[in-house]
Amino acid sequence: MTAAADRFLALEGLTKDFGATRAVDGISLDLRRNEFFALLGPSGCGKSTLLRMLAGFEAPTEGRILLDGQDITALKPERRPLNLMFQSYALFPHMTVARNIAYGLEMERLAKPEIAARVDEIMAVTDLAPFADRKPDQLSGGQKQRVALARALVKRPRVLLLDEPLGALDRKLRERMQLELKRLQHEVGITFVIVTHDQEEALVMADRIAILRDGRLLQCGTPEDVYQRPADRFVANFIGTMNFVPGVIDAGARFTAPAIDLAAPGAPPGRAVLAIRPEDVALAEPGAGIPATLRDIAYHGLDRVLHVTLSACGTPLQLRIPARADLTPAVGGTLHIALPPDRCTFFPD
């Protein structure tokens, strides 16, 4: 029996059809109270449609949505204790920061002293107090993003839905705002559900990640789960960088490919691919590993990514090593690598 705290926001068999097209196909998920949850997948996978069903802007073809045990599937958006923050921010250009944040509370006709107290409180949390009297055109991209976030949070929703909230920011600001969002989520104690196609964004911010493809749920787990233990080849390829080596698994549960023979416990026999992350591929002493030709070196500051091809079959691989590590061969030369069996995953080909 799932604990009530683990079923704070429950999606049960959610399906959405647009004519003959099935955008979301029977997705069931249990989101926890005060969790930062990410919906991740390529364009067209159904993540934004799923978010719009949570917000009430799309009605499910099948399934239901429960919030703390209450069925909210048929509730209109304005009656749901959820708030949706769009990528565009949609700030009112003629209003100050404080008025933008207060607008939703004014529409609820709350008392002016309460509005002022809640606006001051959320501006302090989001570090916006010094900009209270500025207009949106006087703000940076990151400041506008915080205003939009504050405007959503000031209404004290039980769940905040975020649709690609950092997509309009440049890379450095986006990386800073990822940590800022995570901090704010912990401080305000609200369940966040974010839609993103950026795998790094999901890994940095989320407590758990649901990976979608073609409207279906492929895997749900912690960032470590989906990165280290991908459920299938698509997830392995979509999250981070993954090397794939084609081969065969025999009846004795051994994976073989040219110059490679590794134990593959539990893997079914047949054509298969070995999957391993670049940081898990190791350099070996000459004659003690698998020969490979060094094709290129990419310098990344703290480390280098070596692009090689296996000499026996021409399969391309990447391995990541510290930038200061000794590297004897030059580009075009031969080096030897090792594939630690405990870092390898095997998928049917």
Protein backbone atom coordinates (compact mmCIF):
# COMPACT_ATOMS: atom_id res chain seq x y z
CA MET A 1 0.00 0.00 0.00
CA THR A 2 1.47 3.36 -1.03
CA ALA A 3 1.79 5.86 1.83
CA ALA A 4 -0.52 8.88 1.62
CA ALA A 5 2.49 11.21 1.48
CA ASP A 6 3.68 9.39 -1.65
CA ARG A 7 0.29 9.90 -3.33
CA PHE A 8 -0.07 13.63 -2.74
CA LEU A 9 -0.68 14.16 -6.47
CA ALA A 10 -1.79 10.97 -8.21
CA LEU A 11 -2.19 10.46 -11.95
CA GLU A 12 -4.19 7.35 -12.72
CA GLY A 13 -4.18 6.03 -16.27
CA LEU A 14 -4.17 9.48 -17.88
CA THR A 15 -4.80 9.32 -21.62
CA LYS A 16 -5.34 12.17 -24.07
CA ASP A 17 -6.43 11.77 -27.68
CA PHE A 18 -6.52 14.55 -30.27
CA GLY A 19 -8.60 12.94 -32.98
CA ALA A 20 -6.70 9.87 -34.15
CA THR A 21 -3.50 10.99 -32.38
CA ARG A 22 -2.79 9.71 -28.88
CA ALA A 23 -0.65 12.35 -27.17
CA VAL A 24 -0.63 10.75 -23.71
CA ASP A 25 -1.05 7.01 -23.34
CA GLY A 26 -2.20 5.65 -19.97
CA ILE A 27 0.31 7.37 -17.68
CA SER A 28 0.12 6.61 -13.96
CA LEU A 29 2.35 8.46 -11.49
CA ASP A 30 2.38 9.20 -7.76
CA LEU A 31 4.00 12.52 -6.82
CA ARG A 32 5.05 13.21 -3.23
CA ARG A 33 4.32 16.18 -1.05
CA ASN A 34 7.00 18.92 -1.31
CA GLU A 35 8.75 17.05 -4.14
CA PHE A 36 10.56 18.61 -7.11
CA PHE A 37 9.36 16.41 -9.96
CA ALA A 38 10.48 16.65 -13.60
CA LEU A 39 8.69 15.50 -16.75
CA LEU A 40 11.44 14.93 -19.27
CA GLY A 41 11.43 13.86 -22.88
CA PRO A 42 11.97 14.91 -26.49
CA SER A 43 9.62 17.24 -28.35
CA GLY A 44 6.22 15.65 -28.98
CA CYS A 45 6.52 13.10 -26.16
CA GLY A 46 3.36 14.37 -24.39
CA LYS A 47 4.93 16.14 -21.39
CA SER A 48 3.32 19.54 -22.02
CA THR A 49 -0.07 17.92 -22.68
CA LEU A 50 0.28 16.08 -19.39
CA LEU A 51 1.05 19.36 -17.61
CA ARG A 52 -1.97 21.05 -19.20
CA MET A 53 -4.20 18.22 -17.97
CA LEU A 54 -2.85 18.76 -14.46
CA ALA A 55 -3.59 22.48 -14.77
CA GLY A 56 -7.09 21.83 -16.09
CA PHE A 57 -6.60 23.33 -19.55
CA GLU A 58 -7.05 19.93 -21.21
CA ALA A 59 -9.59 17.28 -20.18
CA PRO A 60 -8.30 13.70 -20.13
CA THR A 61 -9.85 11.27 -22.59
CA GLU A 62 -9.43 8.62 -19.89
CA GLY A 63 -8.09 8.48 -16.35
CA ARG A 64 -8.24 10.81 -13.39
CA ILE A 65 -6.18 13.20 -11.25
CA LEU A 66 -6.27 13.14 -7.45
CA LEU A 67 -4.83 15.79 -5.14
CA ASP A 68 -4.49 14.63 -1.56
CA GLY A 69 -7.17 12.02 -2.22
CA GLN A 70 -9.62 14.46 -3.84
CA ASP A 71 -10.59 13.85 -7.47
CA ILE A 72 -9.91 17.15 -9.29
CA THR A 73 -10.21 15.77 -12.84
CA ALA A 74 -13.37 17.75 -13.62
CA LEU A 75 -12.45 20.95 -11.75
CA LYS A 76 -11.94 24.09 -13.83
CA PRO A 77 -8.43 25.61 -13.79
CA GLU A 78 -9.40 28.52 -11.53
CA ARG A 79 -10.82 26.13 -8.92
CA ARG A 80 -7.72 23.95 -8.69
CA PRO A 81 -5.18 24.66 -5.91
CA LEU A 82 -2.45 24.56 -8.57
CA ASN A 83 -0.70 27.35 -10.44
CA LEU A 84 0.92 27.20 -13.87
CA MET A 85 3.94 29.32 -14.71
CA PHE A 86 4.50 29.70 -18.45
CA GLN A 87 7.84 30.07 -20.21
CA SER A 88 6.86 33.51 -21.57
CA TYR A 89 6.38 34.92 -18.01
CA ALA A 90 3.50 37.16 -19.33
CA LEU A 91 4.29 40.09 -17.01
CA PHE A 92 2.16 43.24 -17.24
CA PRO A 93 4.50 45.87 -18.76
CA HIS A 94 2.67 48.85 -17.21
CA MET A 95 2.80 47.47 -13.65
CA THR A 96 5.66 47.53 -11.17
CA VAL A 97 7.19 44.35 -9.84
CA ALA A 98 5.14 44.62 -6.65
CA ARG A 99 1.88 45.16 -8.58
CA ASN A 100 2.62 42.25 -10.92
CA ILE A 101 3.09 39.99 -7.92
CA ALA A 102 0.00 41.34 -6.15
CA TYR A 103 -2.32 41.09 -9.17
CA GLY A 104 -3.59 37.56 -8.53
CA LEU A 105 -4.33 38.35 -4.89
CA GLU A 106 -6.19 41.51 -5.92
CA MET A 107 -8.36 39.43 -8.25
CA GLU A 108 -9.23 37.27 -5.25
CA ARG A 109 -10.30 40.48 -3.45
CA LEU A 110 -8.13 39.86 -0.42
CA ALA A 111 -7.75 42.63 2.14
CA LYS A 112 -5.06 45.18 1.25
CA PRO A 113 -3.00 44.60 4.42
CA GLU A 114 -2.90 40.84 3.70
CA ILE A 115 -1.91 41.45 0.08
CA ALA A 116 0.90 43.79 1.15
CA ALA A 117 2.18 41.33 3.77
CA ARG A 118 2.20 38.37 1.36
CA VAL A 119 3.85 40.38 -1.42
CA ASP A 120 6.58 41.60 0.96
CA GLU A 121 7.12 38.05 2.19
CA ILE A 122 7.52 36.50 -1.26
CA MET A 123 9.72 39.38 -2.51
CA ALA A 124 12.06 38.73 0.41
CA VAL A 125 12.24 35.00 -0.41
CA THR A 126 12.92 35.69 -4.11
CA ASP A 127 15.34 38.62 -3.48
CA LEU A 128 13.09 41.04 -5.37
CA ALA A 129 12.56 43.67 -2.67
CA PRO A 130 15.14 46.10 -4.20
CA PHE A 131 13.21 45.99 -7.51
CA ALA A 132 9.68 46.45 -6.13
CA ASP A 133 9.08 49.75 -7.96
CA ARG A 134 10.67 48.81 -11.28
CA LYS A 135 8.75 47.96 -14.45
CA PRO A 136 9.46 44.71 -16.35
CA ASP A 137 11.43 46.51 -19.09
CA GLN A 138 13.89 47.64 -16.39
CA LEU A 139 14.66 44.06 -15.35
CA SER A 140 17.11 41.42 -16.55
CA GLY A 141 15.93 38.06 -17.85
CA GLY A 142 16.67 36.37 -14.52
CA GLN A 143 14.81 39.07 -12.58
CA LYS A 144 11.76 38.72 -14.84
CA GLN A 145 11.84 34.98 -14.26
CA ARG A 146 11.84 35.53 -10.51
CA VAL A 147 8.91 37.97 -10.75
CA ALA A 148 6.87 35.39 -12.66
CA LEU A 149 7.80 32.78 -10.07
CA ALA A 150 6.93 35.10 -7.18
CA ARG A 151 3.57 35.92 -8.76
CA ALA A 152 2.77 32.21 -8.90
CA LEU A 153 4.05 31.44 -5.39
CA VAL A 154 2.32 34.37 -3.66
CA LYS A 155 -1.03 32.65 -4.18
CA ARG A 156 0.28 29.75 -2.09
CA PRO A 157 -0.69 26.95 -4.46
CA ARG A 158 -0.36 23.40 -3.24
CA VAL A 159 1.37 22.49 -6.52
CA LEU A 160 3.32 24.75 -8.87
CA LEU A 161 3.48 23.67 -12.52
CA LEU A 162 6.37 25.04 -14.58
CA ASP A 163 6.44 24.73 -18.38
CA GLU A 164 10.05 25.14 -19.62
CA PRO A 165 10.54 28.05 -17.15
CA LEU A 166 14.24 28.58 -17.95
CA GLY A 167 14.12 28.10 -21.71
CA ALA A 168 14.39 31.83 -22.53
CA LEU A 169 17.53 32.41 -20.43
CA ASP A 170 21.13 32.26 -21.62
CA ARG A 171 23.23 29.31 -20.49
CA LYS A 172 25.04 30.89 -17.51
CA LEU A 173 21.89 32.47 -16.14
CA ARG A 174 19.95 29.25 -16.70
CA GLU A 175 22.51 27.29 -14.67
CA ARG A 176 22.30 29.83 -11.82
CA MET A 177 18.50 29.85 -11.90
CA GLN A 178 18.39 26.03 -11.73
CA LEU A 179 19.95 26.21 -8.26
CA GLU A 180 17.78 29.22 -7.38
CA LEU A 181 14.61 27.31 -8.25
CA LYS A 182 15.74 24.34 -6.19
CA ARG A 183 16.46 26.62 -3.20
CA LEU A 184 13.09 28.36 -3.48
CA GLN A 185 11.25 25.06 -3.74
CA HIS A 186 12.80 23.88 -0.47
CA GLU A 187 12.11 27.20 1.26
CA VAL A 188 8.44 27.49 0.30
CA GLY A 189 7.72 23.77 0.74
CA ILE A 190 5.52 23.37 -2.34
CA THR A 191 5.43 20.47 -4.78
CA PHE A 192 7.00 21.62 -8.07
CA VAL A 193 6.28 19.85 -11.36
CA ILE A 194 8.55 21.03 -14.17
CA VAL A 195 8.37 20.18 -17.86
CA THR A 196 11.69 20.26 -19.67
CA HIS A 197 13.50 18.72 -22.62
CA ASP A 198 16.86 19.62 -21.03
CA GLN A 199 18.27 16.50 -19.39
CA GLU A 200 20.93 18.41 -17.44
CA GLU A 201 18.26 20.73 -16.04
CA ALA A 202 16.23 17.76 -14.82
CA LEU A 203 19.27 16.02 -13.30
CA VAL A 204 20.32 19.17 -11.39
CA MET A 205 16.93 20.20 -10.01
CA ALA A 206 14.62 17.21 -9.68
CA ASP A 207 14.17 14.82 -6.78
CA ARG A 208 12.66 12.37 -9.29
CA ILE A 209 12.37 12.32 -13.07
CA ALA A 210 9.73 10.75 -15.30
CA ILE A 211 10.97 10.07 -18.83
CA LEU A 212 8.35 10.07 -21.57
CA ARG A 213 8.42 8.98 -25.19
CA ASP A 214 5.51 8.92 -27.67
CA GLY A 215 3.06 9.63 -24.87
CA ARG A 216 4.21 6.70 -22.72
CA LEU A 217 6.10 6.56 -19.45
CA LEU A 218 9.42 4.76 -19.89
CA GLN A 219 11.00 5.21 -16.47
CA CYS A 220 10.51 7.12 -13.22
CA GLY A 221 13.22 7.43 -10.60
CA THR A 222 15.84 9.59 -8.95
CA PRO A 223 18.42 11.33 -11.16
CA GLU A 224 20.92 8.65 -10.08
CA ASP A 225 18.48 5.88 -11.01
CA VAL A 226 17.80 7.06 -14.54
CA TYR A 227 21.44 7.95 -15.20
CA GLN A 228 23.11 4.89 -13.71
CA ARG A 229 20.35 2.32 -14.25
CA PRO A 230 18.42 3.25 -17.41
CA ALA A 231 15.37 1.09 -18.07
CA ASP A 232 15.98 0.69 -21.81
CA ARG A 233 18.21 1.75 -24.64
CA PHE A 234 16.22 4.92 -25.40
CA VAL A 235 16.58 6.19 -21.81
CA ALA A 236 20.26 5.27 -21.81
CA ASN A 237 20.82 7.26 -25.00
CA PHE A 238 18.60 10.20 -24.00
CA ILE A 239 20.12 10.86 -20.56
CA GLY A 240 23.73 12.02 -20.83
CA THR A 241 26.24 10.47 -23.21
CA MET A 242 26.32 6.69 -23.62
CA ASN A 243 28.59 4.39 -25.63
CA PHE A 244 27.00 1.41 -27.39
CA VAL A 245 28.91 -1.64 -28.62
CA PRO A 246 26.94 -4.23 -30.65
CA GLY A 247 27.56 -7.91 -29.96
CA VAL A 248 25.96 -11.18 -28.90
CA ILE A 249 25.06 -12.71 -25.55
CA ASP A 250 25.48 -16.50 -25.55
CA ALA A 251 23.65 -19.17 -23.56
CA GLY A 252 26.27 -18.85 -20.84
CA ALA A 253 25.37 -15.17 -20.28
CA ARG A 254 28.56 -13.82 -21.79
CA PHE A 255 28.68 -10.81 -24.09
CA THR A 256 31.07 -11.15 -27.01
CA ALA A 257 32.13 -8.71 -29.72
CA PRO A 258 35.43 -8.44 -31.61
CA ALA A 259 38.18 -8.34 -28.94
CA ILE A 260 35.55 -8.19 -26.14
CA ASP A 261 34.38 -11.01 -23.86
CA LEU A 262 32.48 -9.98 -20.72
CA ALA A 263 30.07 -11.58 -18.25
CA ALA A 264 26.48 -10.38 -18.70
CA PRO A 265 24.66 -11.93 -15.73
CA GLY A 266 20.90 -12.13 -16.14
CA ALA A 267 20.88 -10.93 -19.74
CA PRO A 268 18.88 -13.04 -22.21
CA PRO A 269 20.78 -14.67 -25.09
CA GLY A 270 20.70 -13.09 -28.53
CA ARG A 271 21.88 -9.96 -30.30
CA ALA A 272 22.61 -7.22 -27.79
CA VAL A 273 24.38 -3.94 -27.19
CA LEU A 274 26.77 -3.17 -24.37
CA ALA A 275 26.16 0.30 -22.89
CA ILE A 276 28.74 2.19 -20.83
CA ARG A 277 29.22 5.85 -19.87
CA PRO A 278 32.38 7.67 -21.08
CA GLU A 279 33.49 8.29 -17.48
CA ASP A 280 33.33 4.55 -16.79
CA VAL A 281 35.61 3.53 -19.67
CA ALA A 282 39.14 3.17 -18.31
CA LEU A 283 42.59 3.44 -19.84
CA ALA A 284 44.54 0.18 -19.63
CA GLU A 285 48.18 -0.77 -19.88
CA PRO A 286 49.33 -1.73 -23.39
CA GLY A 287 48.56 -5.38 -24.04
CA ALA A 288 46.17 -5.55 -21.05
CA GLY A 289 43.11 -4.00 -22.61
CA ILE A 290 41.14 -3.57 -25.82
CA PRO A 291 43.12 -1.85 -28.62
CA ALA A 292 41.61 1.39 -29.90
CA THR A 293 42.70 4.16 -32.25
CA LEU A 294 42.67 7.70 -30.85
CA ARG A 295 40.71 9.86 -33.31
CA ASP A 296 40.31 13.16 -31.46
CA ILE A 297 40.67 14.88 -28.09
CA ALA A 298 38.16 17.41 -26.76
CA TYR A 299 39.39 19.60 -23.90
CA HIS A 300 36.71 20.49 -21.31
CA GLY A 301 38.75 22.24 -18.65
CA LEU A 302 38.70 19.77 -15.78
CA ASP A 303 38.71 16.78 -18.10
CA ARG A 304 39.29 15.61 -21.64
CA VAL A 305 37.00 13.48 -23.79
CA LEU A 306 38.88 11.01 -25.97
CA HIS A 307 37.14 9.93 -29.16
CA VAL A 308 38.38 6.51 -30.21
CA THR A 309 37.40 3.63 -32.48
CA LEU A 310 37.86 0.02 -31.45
CA SER A 311 40.59 -1.42 -33.65
CA ALA A 312 38.89 -4.82 -34.07
CA CYS A 313 35.52 -3.57 -35.33
CA GLY A 314 35.64 0.22 -35.86
CA THR A 315 32.94 0.96 -33.26
CA PRO A 316 33.27 4.57 -32.01
CA LEU A 317 33.61 5.19 -28.26
CA GLN A 318 34.15 8.13 -25.96
CA LEU A 319 36.03 8.07 -22.68
CA ARG A 320 36.38 10.90 -20.19
CA ILE A 321 39.66 11.30 -18.29
CA PRO A 322 41.08 14.04 -16.03
CA ALA A 323 42.72 16.83 -18.02
CA ARG A 324 46.01 16.33 -16.18
CA ALA A 325 46.13 12.57 -16.73
CA ASP A 326 49.11 11.32 -18.72
CA LEU A 327 48.23 10.36 -22.28
CA THR A 328 50.99 8.74 -24.30
CA PRO A 329 49.59 8.30 -27.84
CA ALA A 330 48.97 11.22 -30.15
CA VAL A 331 45.91 11.46 -32.37
CA GLY A 332 46.10 8.55 -34.82
CA GLY A 333 47.98 6.37 -32.34
CA THR A 334 46.83 3.28 -30.48
CA LEU A 335 45.79 3.11 -26.85
CA HIS A 336 44.18 0.35 -24.78
CA ILE A 337 40.92 0.61 -22.87
CA ALA A 338 39.07 -1.47 -20.31
CA LEU A 339 35.29 -1.90 -19.91
CA PRO A 340 34.66 -2.67 -16.22
CA PRO A 341 31.89 -5.32 -16.15
CA ASP A 342 30.17 -3.74 -13.13
CA ARG A 343 29.76 -0.48 -15.09
CA CYS A 344 28.30 -2.14 -18.19
CA THR A 345 24.59 -2.50 -18.99
CA PHE A 346 23.25 -4.80 -21.70
CA PHE A 347 20.15 -4.19 -23.84
CA PRO A 348 18.56 -6.36 -26.52
CA ASP A 349 19.48 -5.18 -30.00
